[in-house]
Amino acid sequence: MVMLALEGVTKVYQVGAFGRRKLTAVSEVSFDVGEGEVIALIGESGSGKSTIGRMVLRLASPSGGRILFGGKDITGIREHDYRREVQGVFQDPFSSFNPIFRADRVLHMIREGFFPRLNNAQWMSKVEAALESVSLDPAQVLGRYPHQLSGGQMQRMLIARALLLDIRLLVADELISMLDASTRIDVLNLLADLKQRGLGILFITHDLSLGHYLSDRTVILRRGEVVETGPTTEVFAAPSHAYTRLMLESVPRLHQKWESK
């Protein structure tokens, strides 16, 4: 079942002195995300992939086209209701935490906006369940300051914050780019587990190997336009577009060493 659908979505920015010039960041982009499905949106820096993520999260508005959630144009859904079902987690977990406050403050901000009627015991039970669902021990992370947590723990805490709302769609924008290799696989496996629970995931990345590891379908973006899309196994095994082939050929091979010519 289709959960999210982009139909001919375009984003144009006014740039230059007095906004006299136009920059098309995204042009006529169409794809969808189903329940329990991971879609990898892959492109190099400046391809427009993060702009698409921001539009899906309603942090930016399309200049053209439509974004539908549950068959409804997202501009017609009350923002409070939309954020209950769609949340994002971004590249730099450190930017989401204020170093002078305990890290779990990011969770309590959700309480103020969405669960003001829960008593303390009910709220803590909900928080602990969300943390445990992302393989965090509440006793080890609650009450800690950001500098006392690893990047992986902070990223998991941000995912737990999204899960507090019983969301249906997660936008993961370069989610693990700043994490070390051992932590990356843990977070990827967490996303795979969330997928099994029925969560739809828009996985935005510039890293082909990460997209291949996790996604069901792949969308290749170049200069704001979709150049190739399809089941991930097919896109990676037999790419039809020259740009996709070039990207795949540029991926370093672990079984080969670089040799000077």
Protein backbone atom coordinates (compact mmCIF):
# COMPACT_ATOMS: atom_id res chain seq x y z
CA MET A 1 0.00 0.00 0.00
CA VAL A 2 1.39 3.41 -1.03
CA MET A 3 1.95 5.68 1.95
CA LEU A 4 3.83 8.63 0.46
CA ALA A 5 3.72 9.75 -3.17
CA LEU A 6 5.56 12.55 -4.92
CA GLU A 7 3.94 13.64 -8.18
CA GLY A 8 5.99 15.90 -10.43
CA VAL A 9 7.51 17.76 -7.49
CA THR A 10 9.62 20.81 -8.37
CA LYS A 11 11.49 23.27 -6.16
CA VAL A 12 12.76 26.59 -7.52
CA TYR A 13 14.73 29.09 -5.42
CA GLN A 14 15.10 32.80 -6.07
CA VAL A 15 18.82 33.59 -5.89
CA GLY A 16 21.20 36.43 -6.61
CA ALA A 17 20.77 40.11 -5.94
CA PHE A 18 17.10 40.88 -5.25
CA GLY A 19 16.23 37.30 -6.20
CA ARG A 20 16.45 38.04 -9.88
CA ARG A 21 17.72 34.60 -10.86
CA LYS A 22 16.01 31.26 -10.44
CA LEU A 23 17.71 28.05 -9.38
CA THR A 24 15.84 24.80 -9.98
CA ALA A 25 16.95 22.45 -7.20
CA VAL A 26 14.39 19.72 -7.94
CA SER A 27 12.60 19.14 -11.23
CA GLU A 28 9.52 16.99 -11.86
CA VAL A 29 10.42 14.30 -9.32
CA SER A 30 7.98 11.41 -8.89
CA PHE A 31 8.25 8.27 -6.74
CA ASP A 32 6.42 6.64 -3.86
CA VAL A 33 7.08 4.87 -0.55
CA GLY A 34 4.95 1.98 0.66
CA GLU A 35 4.29 0.67 4.14
CA GLY A 36 7.21 -1.36 5.46
CA GLU A 37 9.34 -0.31 2.51
CA VAL A 38 12.74 1.37 2.36
CA ILE A 39 13.34 3.68 -0.60
CA ALA A 40 16.93 4.81 -1.12
CA LEU A 41 17.17 8.29 -2.61
CA ILE A 42 20.76 8.41 -3.88
CA GLY A 43 22.66 11.30 -5.38
CA GLU A 44 25.83 13.30 -5.08
CA SER A 45 26.08 16.56 -3.11
CA GLY A 46 23.90 19.21 -4.68
CA SER A 47 21.62 16.73 -6.44
CA GLY A 48 18.53 17.93 -4.56
CA LYS A 49 17.99 14.88 -2.36
CA SER A 50 17.97 16.79 0.94
CA THR A 51 15.65 19.37 -0.57
CA ILE A 52 13.22 16.55 -1.32
CA GLY A 53 13.51 15.34 2.26
CA ARG A 54 12.78 18.82 3.58
CA MET A 55 9.70 19.10 1.37
CA VAL A 56 8.41 15.72 2.57
CA LEU A 57 8.90 16.93 6.15
CA ARG A 58 7.13 20.21 5.35
CA LEU A 59 10.25 22.22 6.17
CA ALA A 60 10.10 23.61 2.63
CA SER A 61 7.24 23.98 0.16
CA PRO A 62 7.23 22.65 -3.41
CA SER A 63 7.13 25.19 -6.22
CA GLY A 64 5.17 22.71 -8.29
CA GLY A 65 3.67 19.23 -8.17
CA ARG A 66 2.12 17.47 -5.19
CA ILE A 67 3.21 15.41 -2.20
CA LEU A 68 0.55 13.02 -0.98
CA PHE A 69 0.44 11.17 2.32
CA GLY A 70 -2.25 8.56 2.72
CA GLY A 71 -3.73 9.84 -0.55
CA LYS A 72 -4.09 13.41 0.76
CA ASP A 73 -2.09 16.46 -0.27
CA ILE A 74 0.13 17.19 2.73
CA THR A 75 -0.66 20.90 2.53
CA GLY A 76 -4.22 20.04 3.52
CA ILE A 77 -3.22 18.00 6.59
CA ARG A 78 -3.02 19.81 9.91
CA GLU A 79 0.67 20.17 10.77
CA HIS A 80 0.26 18.71 14.26
CA ASP A 81 -1.43 15.61 12.81
CA TYR A 82 1.17 15.26 10.05
CA ARG A 83 4.09 15.38 12.49
CA ARG A 84 2.51 12.59 14.51
CA GLU A 85 2.99 10.31 11.53
CA VAL A 86 6.03 11.70 9.68
CA GLN A 87 9.35 12.53 11.33
CA GLY A 88 12.94 13.05 10.22
CA VAL A 89 16.39 12.21 11.56
CA PHE A 90 19.37 14.04 10.12
CA GLN A 91 23.08 13.70 9.48
CA ASP A 92 24.57 15.39 12.53
CA PRO A 93 23.10 14.08 15.81
CA PHE A 94 25.12 16.64 17.81
CA SER A 95 23.18 19.55 16.28
CA SER A 96 19.92 18.30 17.81
CA PHE A 97 21.22 18.40 21.38
CA ASN A 98 21.94 21.43 23.54
CA PRO A 99 25.13 20.65 25.49
CA ILE A 100 23.90 22.47 28.63
CA PHE A 101 20.82 20.23 28.94
CA ARG A 102 20.54 16.52 29.56
CA ALA A 103 20.19 14.56 26.34
CA ASP A 104 16.75 13.20 27.16
CA ARG A 105 15.36 16.73 26.96
CA VAL A 106 14.79 16.00 23.26
CA LEU A 107 12.30 13.34 24.35
CA HIS A 108 10.49 15.55 26.86
CA MET A 109 9.89 18.19 24.20
CA ILE A 110 7.68 15.61 22.47
CA ARG A 111 5.68 15.22 25.68
CA GLU A 112 4.90 18.93 25.85
CA GLY A 113 3.64 19.04 22.28
CA PHE A 114 1.83 15.71 21.92
CA PHE A 115 1.24 14.00 25.29
CA PRO A 116 0.46 16.73 27.85
CA ARG A 117 -2.18 14.58 29.59
CA LEU A 118 0.10 11.66 30.45
CA ASN A 119 1.20 11.52 34.07
CA ASN A 120 4.88 11.05 34.93
CA ALA A 121 4.65 7.28 35.36
CA GLN A 122 2.83 6.82 32.04
CA TRP A 123 5.28 9.06 30.25
CA MET A 124 8.37 7.32 31.64
CA SER A 125 6.93 3.95 30.68
CA LYS A 126 6.46 5.21 27.12
CA VAL A 127 9.99 6.68 27.00
CA GLU A 128 11.60 3.49 28.28
CA ALA A 129 9.69 1.38 25.75
CA ALA A 130 10.83 3.67 22.89
CA LEU A 131 14.47 3.53 24.02
CA GLU A 132 14.40 -0.24 24.39
CA SER A 133 12.89 -0.55 20.90
CA VAL A 134 16.09 1.01 19.50
CA SER A 135 18.33 -1.16 21.70
CA LEU A 136 19.18 1.52 24.25
CA ASP A 137 19.26 0.80 27.97
CA PRO A 138 17.26 3.61 29.64
CA ALA A 139 19.47 3.39 32.75
CA GLN A 140 22.55 4.14 30.63
CA VAL A 141 21.25 7.11 28.63
CA LEU A 142 18.58 8.90 30.68
CA GLY A 143 19.98 11.75 32.74
CA ARG A 144 23.21 11.89 30.71
CA TYR A 145 24.57 14.95 28.92
CA PRO A 146 25.31 14.83 25.19
CA HIS A 147 29.09 14.68 25.73
CA GLN A 148 28.57 11.51 27.79
CA LEU A 149 26.92 9.68 24.87
CA SER A 150 28.39 8.32 21.66
CA GLY A 151 27.24 9.49 18.24
CA GLY A 152 25.44 6.17 17.76
CA GLN A 153 23.61 6.50 21.08
CA MET A 154 22.49 10.02 20.22
CA GLN A 155 21.29 8.96 16.78
CA ARG A 156 19.33 6.08 18.33
CA MET A 157 17.83 8.47 20.85
CA LEU A 158 16.62 10.70 18.01
CA ILE A 159 15.02 7.69 16.33
CA ALA A 160 13.40 6.80 19.66
CA ARG A 161 12.02 10.34 19.82
CA ALA A 162 10.35 9.79 16.44
CA LEU A 163 8.97 6.42 17.54
CA LEU A 164 7.33 8.01 20.59
CA LEU A 165 4.77 9.38 18.15
CA ASP A 166 3.94 5.98 16.59
CA ILE A 167 5.03 7.36 13.23
CA ARG A 168 4.36 5.67 9.90
CA LEU A 169 7.16 7.30 7.86
CA LEU A 170 10.74 8.14 8.78
CA VAL A 171 12.87 10.43 6.62
CA ALA A 172 16.50 9.45 7.30
CA ASP A 173 18.70 12.11 5.70
CA GLU A 174 22.37 11.03 5.65
CA LEU A 175 21.57 9.39 8.96
CA ILE A 176 24.85 7.59 9.49
CA SER A 177 27.34 9.66 7.51
CA MET A 178 29.06 10.94 10.67
CA LEU A 179 29.18 7.60 12.50
CA ASP A 180 32.10 5.17 12.54
CA ALA A 181 31.92 1.91 10.60
CA SER A 182 31.00 -0.35 13.52
CA THR A 183 28.20 1.97 14.65
CA ARG A 184 26.88 2.37 11.12
CA ILE A 185 25.96 -1.29 10.78
CA ASP A 186 24.12 -1.21 14.12
CA VAL A 187 21.99 1.75 13.02
CA LEU A 188 21.37 0.19 9.59
CA ASN A 189 20.20 -3.02 11.24
CA LEU A 190 17.95 -0.96 13.50
CA LEU A 191 16.33 0.62 10.43
CA ALA A 192 15.89 -2.83 8.89
CA ASP A 193 14.15 -3.93 12.08
CA LEU A 194 11.84 -0.89 11.99
CA LYS A 195 11.02 -1.75 8.39
CA GLN A 196 9.94 -5.23 9.51
CA ARG A 197 7.53 -3.57 11.94
CA GLY A 198 5.83 -1.78 9.04
CA LEU A 199 7.60 1.59 9.13
CA GLY A 200 8.14 3.25 5.75
CA ILE A 201 11.60 4.79 5.37
CA LEU A 202 12.91 7.35 2.90
CA PHE A 203 16.66 6.74 3.17
CA ILE A 204 18.57 9.69 1.71
CA THR A 205 22.24 9.06 1.07
CA HIS A 206 25.16 9.74 -1.25
CA ASP A 207 26.65 6.33 -0.40
CA LEU A 208 25.70 3.63 -2.89
CA SER A 209 26.79 0.77 -0.63
CA LEU A 210 24.51 1.93 2.19
CA GLY A 211 21.56 2.27 -0.16
CA HIS A 212 22.19 -1.19 -1.57
CA TYR A 213 22.44 -2.75 1.88
CA LEU A 214 19.10 -1.50 3.15
CA SER A 215 16.64 -0.52 0.44
CA ASP A 216 13.90 -2.31 -1.46
CA ARG A 217 13.83 0.23 -4.29
CA THR A 218 16.31 2.87 -5.39
CA VAL A 219 15.83 6.32 -6.89
CA ILE A 220 18.93 7.84 -8.52
CA LEU A 221 18.93 11.63 -8.57
CA ARG A 222 21.15 13.86 -10.73
CA ARG A 223 20.96 17.64 -10.81
CA GLY A 224 17.48 17.58 -9.33
CA GLU A 225 16.06 15.03 -11.74
CA VAL A 226 15.35 11.32 -11.39
CA VAL A 227 17.52 9.49 -13.92
CA GLU A 228 16.79 5.93 -12.83
CA THR A 229 14.47 4.10 -10.47
CA GLY A 230 13.53 0.50 -9.79
CA PRO A 231 14.09 -2.46 -7.48
CA THR A 232 17.49 -2.05 -5.85
CA THR A 233 18.81 -5.40 -7.02
CA GLU A 234 18.01 -4.52 -10.64
CA VAL A 235 19.37 -0.96 -10.49
CA PHE A 236 22.67 -2.16 -9.06
CA ALA A 237 23.01 -5.30 -11.17
CA ALA A 238 22.04 -3.80 -14.53
CA PRO A 239 21.85 0.01 -14.44
CA SER A 240 20.27 1.49 -17.53
CA HIS A 241 21.48 5.07 -17.21
CA ALA A 242 25.06 6.13 -17.91
CA TYR A 243 25.17 8.24 -14.75
CA THR A 244 24.22 5.26 -12.57
CA ARG A 245 26.89 3.15 -14.26
CA LEU A 246 29.46 5.88 -13.65
CA MET A 247 28.53 6.09 -9.96
CA LEU A 248 28.81 2.33 -9.54
CA GLU A 249 32.17 2.23 -11.29
CA SER A 250 33.45 4.92 -8.91
CA VAL A 251 32.80 2.87 -5.74
CA PRO A 252 36.11 1.59 -4.25
CA ARG A 253 36.40 -2.19 -4.16
CA LEU A 254 37.47 -3.70 -0.85
CA HIS A 255 39.15 -6.64 -2.59
CA GLN A 256 41.31 -4.38 -4.76
CA LYS A 257 44.18 -2.05 -3.88
CA TRP A 258 44.84 1.18 -5.70
CA GLU A 259 47.77 1.00 -8.00
CA SER A 260 49.51 3.88 -9.71
CA LYS A 261 49.60 3.78 -13.47
